[in-house]
PDB file of all heavy atoms in Angstrom:
ATOM      1  N   ALA A   1       4.340  18.522  -5.481  1.00  0.00           N
ATOM      2  CA  ALA A   1       2.925  18.819  -5.244  1.00  0.00           C
ATOM      3  C   ALA A   1       2.263  17.706  -4.437  1.00  0.00           C
ATOM      4  O   ALA A   1       1.115  17.846  -4.024  1.00  0.00           O
ATOM      5  CB  ALA A   1       2.190  18.997  -6.571  1.00  0.00           C
ATOM      6  N   TRP A   2       2.970  16.582  -4.238  1.00  0.00           N
ATOM      7  CA  TRP A   2       2.497  15.466  -3.422  1.00  0.00           C
ATOM      8  C   TRP A   2       1.117  14.959  -3.857  1.00  0.00           C
ATOM      9  O   TRP A   2       0.215  14.803  -3.064  1.00  0.00           O
ATOM     10  CB  TRP A   2       2.489  15.823  -1.935  1.00  0.00           C
ATOM     11  CG  TRP A   2       3.859  15.966  -1.366  1.00  0.00           C
ATOM     12  CD1 TRP A   2       4.476  17.134  -0.997  1.00  0.00           C
ATOM     13  CD2 TRP A   2       4.817  14.925  -1.143  1.00  0.00           C
ATOM     14  NE1 TRP A   2       5.764  16.888  -0.567  1.00  0.00           N
ATOM     15  CE2 TRP A   2       6.005  15.530  -0.645  1.00  0.00           C
ATOM     16  CE3 TRP A   2       4.804  13.533  -1.315  1.00  0.00           C
ATOM     17  CZ2 TRP A   2       7.137  14.798  -0.307  1.00  0.00           C
ATOM     18  CZ3 TRP A   2       5.937  12.811  -0.994  1.00  0.00           C
ATOM     19  CH2 TRP A   2       7.082  13.440  -0.489  1.00  0.00           C
ATOM     20  N   HIS A   3       0.999  14.697  -5.159  1.00  0.00           N
ATOM     21  CA  HIS A   3      -0.205  13.986  -5.608  1.00  0.00           C
ATOM     22  C   HIS A   3      -0.269  12.608  -4.969  1.00  0.00           C
ATOM     23  O   HIS A   3      -1.345  12.141  -4.589  1.00  0.00           O
ATOM     24  CB  HIS A   3      -0.199  13.872  -7.137  1.00  0.00           C
ATOM     25  CG  HIS A   3      -1.194  12.888  -7.671  1.00  0.00           C
ATOM     26  ND1 HIS A   3      -2.521  12.949  -7.349  1.00  0.00           N
ATOM     27  CD2 HIS A   3      -1.042  11.809  -8.489  1.00  0.00           C
ATOM     28  CE1 HIS A   3      -3.168  11.955  -7.957  1.00  0.00           C
ATOM     29  NE2 HIS A   3      -2.290  11.247  -8.639  1.00  0.00           N
ATOM     30  N   LEU A   4       0.885  11.949  -4.853  1.00  0.00           N
ATOM     31  CA  LEU A   4       0.953  10.615  -4.260  1.00  0.00           C
ATOM     32  C   LEU A   4       2.030  10.580  -3.178  1.00  0.00           C
ATOM     33  O   LEU A   4       3.027  11.291  -3.271  1.00  0.00           O
ATOM     34  CB  LEU A   4       1.310   9.556  -5.312  1.00  0.00           C
ATOM     35  CG  LEU A   4       0.356   9.379  -6.487  1.00  0.00           C
ATOM     36  CD1 LEU A   4       0.964   8.432  -7.511  1.00  0.00           C
ATOM     37  CD2 LEU A   4      -1.006   8.871  -6.022  1.00  0.00           C
ATOM     38  N   TYR A   5       1.805   9.736  -2.189  1.00  0.00           N
ATOM     39  CA  TYR A   5       2.842   9.408  -1.209  1.00  0.00           C
ATOM     40  C   TYR A   5       3.081   7.910  -1.334  1.00  0.00           C
ATOM     41  O   TYR A   5       2.278   7.093  -0.870  1.00  0.00           O
ATOM     42  CB  TYR A   5       2.408   9.776   0.213  1.00  0.00           C
ATOM     43  CG  TYR A   5       3.524   9.653   1.235  1.00  0.00           C
ATOM     44  CD1 TYR A   5       4.325  10.745   1.544  1.00  0.00           C
ATOM     45  CD2 TYR A   5       3.793   8.436   1.873  1.00  0.00           C
ATOM     46  CE1 TYR A   5       5.371  10.636   2.470  1.00  0.00           C
ATOM     47  CE2 TYR A   5       4.816   8.319   2.794  1.00  0.00           C
ATOM     48  CZ  TYR A   5       5.606   9.426   3.086  1.00  0.00           C
ATOM     49  OH  TYR A   5       6.636   9.318   3.989  1.00  0.00           O
ATOM     50  N   VAL A   6       4.193   7.559  -1.983  1.00  0.00           N
ATOM     51  CA  VAL A   6       4.486   6.164  -2.293  1.00  0.00           C
ATOM     52  C   VAL A   6       5.587   5.652  -1.374  1.00  0.00           C
ATOM     53  O   VAL A   6       6.679   6.235  -1.319  1.00  0.00           O
ATOM     54  CB  VAL A   6       4.926   6.000  -3.767  1.00  0.00           C
ATOM     55  CG1 VAL A   6       5.240   4.530  -4.067  1.00  0.00           C
ATOM     56  CG2 VAL A   6       3.846   6.514  -4.704  1.00  0.00           C
ATOM     57  N   VAL A   7       5.289   4.560  -0.665  1.00  0.00           N
ATOM     58  CA  VAL A   7       6.302   3.883   0.128  1.00  0.00           C
ATOM     59  C   VAL A   7       6.658   2.572  -0.561  1.00  0.00           C
ATOM     60  O   VAL A   7       5.897   2.053  -1.374  1.00  0.00           O
ATOM     61  CB  VAL A   7       5.821   3.611   1.572  1.00  0.00           C
ATOM     62  CG1 VAL A   7       5.533   4.916   2.287  1.00  0.00           C
ATOM     63  CG2 VAL A   7       4.605   2.689   1.588  1.00  0.00           C
ATOM     64  N   GLN A   8       7.826   2.041  -0.230  1.00  0.00           N
ATOM     65  CA  GLN A   8       8.249   0.754  -0.772  1.00  0.00           C
ATOM     66  C   GLN A   8       8.548  -0.204   0.369  1.00  0.00           C
ATOM     67  O   GLN A   8       9.150   0.165   1.376  1.00  0.00           O
ATOM     68  CB  GLN A   8       9.483   0.939  -1.652  1.00  0.00           C
ATOM     69  CG  GLN A   8       9.213   1.751  -2.909  1.00  0.00           C
ATOM     70  CD  GLN A   8      10.500   2.053  -3.659  1.00  0.00           C
ATOM     71  OE1 GLN A   8      11.233   2.968  -3.299  1.00  0.00           O
ATOM     72  NE2 GLN A   8      10.771   1.288  -4.695  1.00  0.00           N
ATOM     73  N   VAL A   9       8.094  -1.436   0.172  1.00  0.00           N
ATOM     74  CA  VAL A   9       8.259  -2.490   1.167  1.00  0.00           C
ATOM     75  C   VAL A   9       8.906  -3.680   0.464  1.00  0.00           C
ATOM     76  O   VAL A   9       8.870  -3.776  -0.764  1.00  0.00           O
ATOM     77  CB  VAL A   9       6.881  -2.869   1.774  1.00  0.00           C
ATOM     78  CG1 VAL A   9       5.975  -3.484   0.719  1.00  0.00           C
ATOM     79  CG2 VAL A   9       7.016  -3.778   2.982  1.00  0.00           C
ATOM     80  N   ALA A  10       9.484  -4.582   1.221  1.00  0.00           N
ATOM     81  CA  ALA A  10      10.054  -5.794   0.620  1.00  0.00           C
ATOM     82  C   ALA A  10       9.009  -6.472  -0.252  1.00  0.00           C
ATOM     83  O   ALA A  10       7.855  -6.641   0.160  1.00  0.00           O
ATOM     84  CB  ALA A  10      10.532  -6.738   1.716  1.00  0.00           C
ATOM     85  N   LYS A  11       9.404  -6.848  -1.467  1.00  0.00           N
ATOM     86  CA  LYS A  11       8.416  -7.301  -2.449  1.00  0.00           C
ATOM     87  C   LYS A  11       7.622  -8.519  -1.974  1.00  0.00           C
ATOM     88  O   LYS A  11       6.437  -8.660  -2.308  1.00  0.00           O
ATOM     89  CB  LYS A  11       9.068  -7.573  -3.795  1.00  0.00           C
ATOM     90  CG  LYS A  11      10.015  -8.757  -3.843  1.00  0.00           C
ATOM     91  CD  LYS A  11      10.547  -8.953  -5.258  1.00  0.00           C
ATOM     92  CE  LYS A  11      11.432 -10.176  -5.360  1.00  0.00           C
ATOM     93  NZ  LYS A  11      11.921 -10.380  -6.745  1.00  0.00           N
ATOM     94  N   GLU A  12       8.239  -9.377  -1.172  1.00  0.00           N
ATOM     95  CA  GLU A  12       7.518 -10.557  -0.697  1.00  0.00           C
ATOM     96  C   GLU A  12       6.442 -10.207   0.328  1.00  0.00           C
ATOM     97  O   GLU A  12       5.572 -11.026   0.633  1.00  0.00           O
ATOM     98  CB  GLU A  12       8.493 -11.582  -0.102  1.00  0.00           C
ATOM     99  CG  GLU A  12       9.255 -11.123   1.126  1.00  0.00           C
ATOM    100  CD  GLU A  12      10.561 -10.413   0.779  1.00  0.00           C
ATOM    101  OE1 GLU A  12      10.755 -10.056  -0.405  1.00  0.00           O
ATOM    102  OE2 GLU A  12      11.384 -10.212   1.707  1.00  0.00           O
ATOM    103  N   LYS A  13       6.484  -8.968   0.854  1.00  0.00           N
ATOM    104  CA  LYS A  13       5.488  -8.532   1.844  1.00  0.00           C
ATOM    105  C   LYS A  13       4.427  -7.616   1.250  1.00  0.00           C
ATOM    106  O   LYS A  13       3.434  -7.310   1.914  1.00  0.00           O
ATOM    107  CB  LYS A  13       6.185  -7.796   3.001  1.00  0.00           C
ATOM    108  CG  LYS A  13       7.135  -8.651   3.810  1.00  0.00           C
ATOM    109  CD  LYS A  13       7.731  -7.860   4.962  1.00  0.00           C
ATOM    110  CE  LYS A  13       8.641  -8.720   5.820  1.00  0.00           C
ATOM    111  NZ  LYS A  13       9.221  -7.948   6.963  1.00  0.00           N
ATOM    112  N   ARG A  14       4.624  -7.169   0.000  1.00  0.00           N
ATOM    113  CA  ARG A  14       3.752  -6.124  -0.542  1.00  0.00           C
ATOM    114  C   ARG A  14       2.285  -6.552  -0.620  1.00  0.00           C
ATOM    115  O   ARG A  14       1.396  -5.829  -0.176  1.00  0.00           O
ATOM    116  CB  ARG A  14       4.262  -5.672  -1.915  1.00  0.00           C
ATOM    117  CG  ARG A  14       3.758  -4.295  -2.363  1.00  0.00           C
ATOM    118  CD  ARG A  14       2.469  -4.337  -3.152  1.00  0.00           C
ATOM    119  NE  ARG A  14       2.622  -5.064  -4.380  1.00  0.00           N
ATOM    120  CZ  ARG A  14       2.988  -4.515  -5.536  1.00  0.00           C
ATOM    121  NH1 ARG A  14       3.261  -3.227  -5.596  1.00  0.00           N
ATOM    122  NH2 ARG A  14       3.070  -5.258  -6.629  1.00  0.00           N
ATOM    123  N   LYS A  15       2.003  -7.720  -1.178  1.00  0.00           N
ATOM    124  CA  LYS A  15       0.617  -8.143  -1.354  1.00  0.00           C
ATOM    125  C   LYS A  15      -0.096  -8.301  -0.018  1.00  0.00           C
ATOM    126  O   LYS A  15      -1.232  -7.836   0.154  1.00  0.00           O
ATOM    127  CB  LYS A  15       0.549  -9.448  -2.143  1.00  0.00           C
ATOM    128  CG  LYS A  15      -0.878  -9.848  -2.526  1.00  0.00           C
ATOM    129  CD  LYS A  15      -0.891 -11.069  -3.439  1.00  0.00           C
ATOM    130  CE  LYS A  15      -2.310 -11.427  -3.852  1.00  0.00           C
ATOM    131  NZ  LYS A  15      -2.337 -12.621  -4.755  1.00  0.00           N
ATOM    132  N   ALA A  16       0.562  -8.938   0.945  1.00  0.00           N
ATOM    133  CA  ALA A  16      -0.052  -9.126   2.266  1.00  0.00           C
ATOM    134  C   ALA A  16      -0.293  -7.786   2.949  1.00  0.00           C
ATOM    135  O   ALA A  16      -1.347  -7.568   3.574  1.00  0.00           O
ATOM    136  CB  ALA A  16       0.833 -10.014   3.130  1.00  0.00           C
ATOM    137  N   LEU A  17       0.659  -6.872   2.814  1.00  0.00           N
ATOM    138  CA  LEU A  17       0.493  -5.552   3.420  1.00  0.00           C
ATOM    139  C   LEU A  17      -0.643  -4.786   2.749  1.00  0.00           C
ATOM    140  O   LEU A  17      -1.470  -4.161   3.431  1.00  0.00           O
ATOM    141  CB  LEU A  17       1.799  -4.765   3.304  1.00  0.00           C
ATOM    142  CG  LEU A  17       1.816  -3.370   3.919  1.00  0.00           C
ATOM    143  CD1 LEU A  17       1.535  -3.424   5.407  1.00  0.00           C
ATOM    144  CD2 LEU A  17       3.141  -2.672   3.655  1.00  0.00           C
ATOM    145  N   PHE A  18      -0.692  -4.851   1.430  1.00  0.00           N
ATOM    146  CA  PHE A  18      -1.772  -4.190   0.682  1.00  0.00           C
ATOM    147  C   PHE A  18      -3.134  -4.709   1.155  1.00  0.00           C
ATOM    148  O   PHE A  18      -4.045  -3.922   1.455  1.00  0.00           O
ATOM    149  CB  PHE A  18      -1.584  -4.467  -0.807  1.00  0.00           C
ATOM    150  CG  PHE A  18      -2.558  -3.760  -1.706  1.00  0.00           C
ATOM    151  CD1 PHE A  18      -2.237  -2.547  -2.301  1.00  0.00           C
ATOM    152  CD2 PHE A  18      -3.811  -4.303  -1.967  1.00  0.00           C
ATOM    153  CE1 PHE A  18      -3.128  -1.896  -3.133  1.00  0.00           C
ATOM    154  CE2 PHE A  18      -4.717  -3.659  -2.797  1.00  0.00           C
ATOM    155  CZ  PHE A  18      -4.365  -2.448  -3.381  1.00  0.00           C
ATOM    156  N   ASN A  19      -3.277  -6.024   1.242  1.00  0.00           N
ATOM    157  CA  ASN A  19      -4.555  -6.619   1.647  1.00  0.00           C
ATOM    158  C   ASN A  19      -4.900  -6.266   3.089  1.00  0.00           C
ATOM    159  O   ASN A  19      -6.066  -5.985   3.409  1.00  0.00           O
ATOM    160  CB  ASN A  19      -4.511  -8.133   1.471  1.00  0.00           C
ATOM    161  CG  ASN A  19      -4.497  -8.551   0.015  1.00  0.00           C
ATOM    162  OD1 ASN A  19      -4.946  -7.806  -0.856  1.00  0.00           O
ATOM    163  ND2 ASN A  19      -3.990  -9.744  -0.274  1.00  0.00           N
ATOM    164  N   ALA A  20      -3.898  -6.272   3.970  1.00  0.00           N
ATOM    165  CA  ALA A  20      -4.140  -5.942   5.379  1.00  0.00           C
ATOM    166  C   ALA A  20      -4.638  -4.510   5.522  1.00  0.00           C
ATOM    167  O   ALA A  20      -5.561  -4.227   6.313  1.00  0.00           O
ATOM    168  CB  ALA A  20      -2.864  -6.149   6.189  1.00  0.00           C
ATOM    169  N   LEU A  21      -4.042  -3.591   4.773  1.00  0.00           N
ATOM    170  CA  LEU A  21      -4.473  -2.194   4.833  1.00  0.00           C
ATOM    171  C   LEU A  21      -5.891  -2.043   4.298  1.00  0.00           C
ATOM    172  O   LEU A  21      -6.726  -1.344   4.905  1.00  0.00           O
ATOM    173  CB  LEU A  21      -3.489  -1.334   4.037  1.00  0.00           C
ATOM    174  CG  LEU A  21      -2.129  -1.102   4.700  1.00  0.00           C
ATOM    175  CD1 LEU A  21      -1.086  -0.694   3.676  1.00  0.00           C
ATOM    176  CD2 LEU A  21      -2.238  -0.052   5.785  1.00  0.00           C
ATOM    177  N   ARG A  22      -6.183  -2.677   3.184  1.00  0.00           N
ATOM    178  CA  ARG A  22      -7.532  -2.592   2.625  1.00  0.00           C
ATOM    179  C   ARG A  22      -8.570  -3.172   3.599  1.00  0.00           C
ATOM    180  O   ARG A  22      -9.658  -2.617   3.760  1.00  0.00           O
ATOM    181  CB  ARG A  22      -7.594  -3.333   1.286  1.00  0.00           C
ATOM    182  CG  ARG A  22      -6.995  -2.564   0.097  1.00  0.00           C
ATOM    183  CD  ARG A  22      -7.941  -1.458  -0.374  1.00  0.00           C
ATOM    184  NE  ARG A  22      -7.449  -0.740  -1.528  1.00  0.00           N
ATOM    185  CZ  ARG A  22      -7.798  -1.005  -2.794  1.00  0.00           C
ATOM    186  NH1 ARG A  22      -8.635  -1.997  -3.061  1.00  0.00           N
ATOM    187  NH2 ARG A  22      -7.325  -0.270  -3.781  1.00  0.00           N
ATOM    188  N   GLU A  23      -8.234  -4.297   4.231  1.00  0.00           N
ATOM    189  CA  GLU A  23      -9.175  -4.931   5.169  1.00  0.00           C
ATOM    190  C   GLU A  23      -9.465  -4.045   6.376  1.00  0.00           C
ATOM    191  O   GLU A  23     -10.533  -4.143   6.980  1.00  0.00           O
ATOM    192  CB  GLU A  23      -8.601  -6.269   5.634  1.00  0.00           C
ATOM    193  CG  GLU A  23      -8.654  -7.348   4.566  1.00  0.00           C
ATOM    194  CD  GLU A  23      -7.824  -8.567   4.936  1.00  0.00           C
ATOM    195  OE1 GLU A  23      -7.310  -8.610   6.091  1.00  0.00           O
ATOM    196  OE2 GLU A  23      -7.674  -9.463   4.086  1.00  0.00           O
ATOM    197  N   LYS A  24      -8.527  -3.155   6.719  1.00  0.00           N
ATOM    198  CA  LYS A  24      -8.717  -2.252   7.861  1.00  0.00           C
ATOM    199  C   LYS A  24      -9.197  -0.864   7.420  1.00  0.00           C
ATOM    200  O   LYS A  24      -9.090   0.101   8.178  1.00  0.00           O
ATOM    201  CB  LYS A  24      -7.410  -2.118   8.644  1.00  0.00           C
ATOM    202  CG  LYS A  24      -6.969  -3.410   9.333  1.00  0.00           C
ATOM    203  CD  LYS A  24      -7.929  -3.817  10.446  1.00  0.00           C
ATOM    204  CE  LYS A  24      -7.473  -5.086  11.156  1.00  0.00           C
ATOM    205  NZ  LYS A  24      -6.247  -4.916  11.933  1.00  0.00           N
ATOM    206  N   GLY A  25      -9.721  -0.771   6.210  1.00  0.00           N
ATOM    207  CA  GLY A  25     -10.332   0.478   5.771  1.00  0.00           C
ATOM    208  C   GLY A  25      -9.379   1.520   5.232  1.00  0.00           C
ATOM    209  O   GLY A  25      -9.734   2.710   5.159  1.00  0.00           O
ATOM    210  N   VAL A  26      -8.179   1.110   4.847  1.00  0.00           N
ATOM    211  CA  VAL A  26      -7.204   2.043   4.291  1.00  0.00           C
ATOM    212  C   VAL A  26      -7.121   1.791   2.778  1.00  0.00           C
ATOM    213  O   VAL A  26      -6.636   0.740   2.339  1.00  0.00           O
ATOM    214  CB  VAL A  26      -5.820   1.863   4.937  1.00  0.00           C
ATOM    215  CG1 VAL A  26      -4.817   2.839   4.318  1.00  0.00           C
ATOM    216  CG2 VAL A  26      -5.921   2.082   6.445  1.00  0.00           C
ATOM    217  N   GLY A  27      -7.595   2.748   1.998  1.00  0.00           N
ATOM    218  CA  GLY A  27      -7.728   2.567   0.556  1.00  0.00           C
ATOM    219  C   GLY A  27      -6.430   2.789  -0.197  1.00  0.00           C
ATOM    220  O   GLY A  27      -6.339   3.695  -1.043  1.00  0.00           O
ATOM    221  N   VAL A  28      -5.433   1.969   0.097  1.00  0.00           N
ATOM    222  CA  VAL A  28      -4.160   2.076  -0.607  1.00  0.00           C
ATOM    223  C   VAL A  28      -4.324   1.680  -2.070  1.00  0.00           C
ATOM    224  O   VAL A  28      -5.316   1.062  -2.462  1.00  0.00           O
ATOM    225  CB  VAL A  28      -3.085   1.194   0.063  1.00  0.00           C
ATOM    226  CG1 VAL A  28      -2.693   1.775   1.403  1.00  0.00           C
ATOM    227  CG2 VAL A  28      -3.571  -0.245   0.204  1.00  0.00           C
ATOM    228  N   ASN A  29      -3.337   2.049  -2.871  1.00  0.00           N
ATOM    229  CA  ASN A  29      -3.350   1.687  -4.276  1.00  0.00           C
ATOM    230  C   ASN A  29      -1.904   1.449  -4.721  1.00  0.00           C
ATOM    231  O   ASN A  29      -0.971   1.611  -3.927  1.00  0.00           O
ATOM    232  CB  ASN A  29      -4.018   2.785  -5.108  1.00  0.00           C
ATOM    233  CG  ASN A  29      -4.760   2.215  -6.303  1.00  0.00           C
ATOM    234  OD1 ASN A  29      -4.334   1.223  -6.901  1.00  0.00           O
ATOM    235  ND2 ASN A  29      -5.867   2.839  -6.661  1.00  0.00           N
ATOM    236  N   VAL A  30      -1.730   1.074  -5.971  1.00  0.00           N
ATOM    237  CA  VAL A  30      -0.393   0.897  -6.532  1.00  0.00           C
ATOM    238  C   VAL A  30      -0.292   1.731  -7.796  1.00  0.00           C
ATOM    239  O   VAL A  30      -1.109   1.584  -8.713  1.00  0.00           O
ATOM    240  CB  VAL A  30      -0.090  -0.581  -6.850  1.00  0.00           C
ATOM    241  CG1 VAL A  30       1.228  -0.708  -7.610  1.00  0.00           C
ATOM    242  CG2 VAL A  30      -0.046  -1.408  -5.567  1.00  0.00           C
ATOM    243  N   HIS A  31       0.685   2.618  -7.852  1.00  0.00           N
ATOM    244  CA  HIS A  31       0.937   3.494  -9.000  1.00  0.00           C
ATOM    245  C   HIS A  31       2.399   3.358  -9.402  1.00  0.00           C
ATOM    246  O   HIS A  31       3.255   3.812  -8.669  1.00  0.00           O
ATOM    247  CB  HIS A  31       0.649   4.950  -8.643  1.00  0.00           C
ATOM    248  CG  HIS A  31      -0.757   5.220  -8.244  1.00  0.00           C
ATOM    249  ND1 HIS A  31      -1.172   5.158  -6.938  1.00  0.00           N
ATOM    250  CD2 HIS A  31      -1.853   5.558  -8.976  1.00  0.00           C
ATOM    251  CE1 HIS A  31      -2.459   5.459  -6.863  1.00  0.00           C
ATOM    252  NE2 HIS A  31      -2.898   5.697  -8.087  1.00  0.00           N
TER     253      HIS A  31
END
């Protein structure tokens, strides 16, 4: 049903990627 579309990134890059997306107006989350 695609409630979520979850991608996985190298763990050492996850926080920086999350913050970069949020700063550019992309409301990502972690589930």
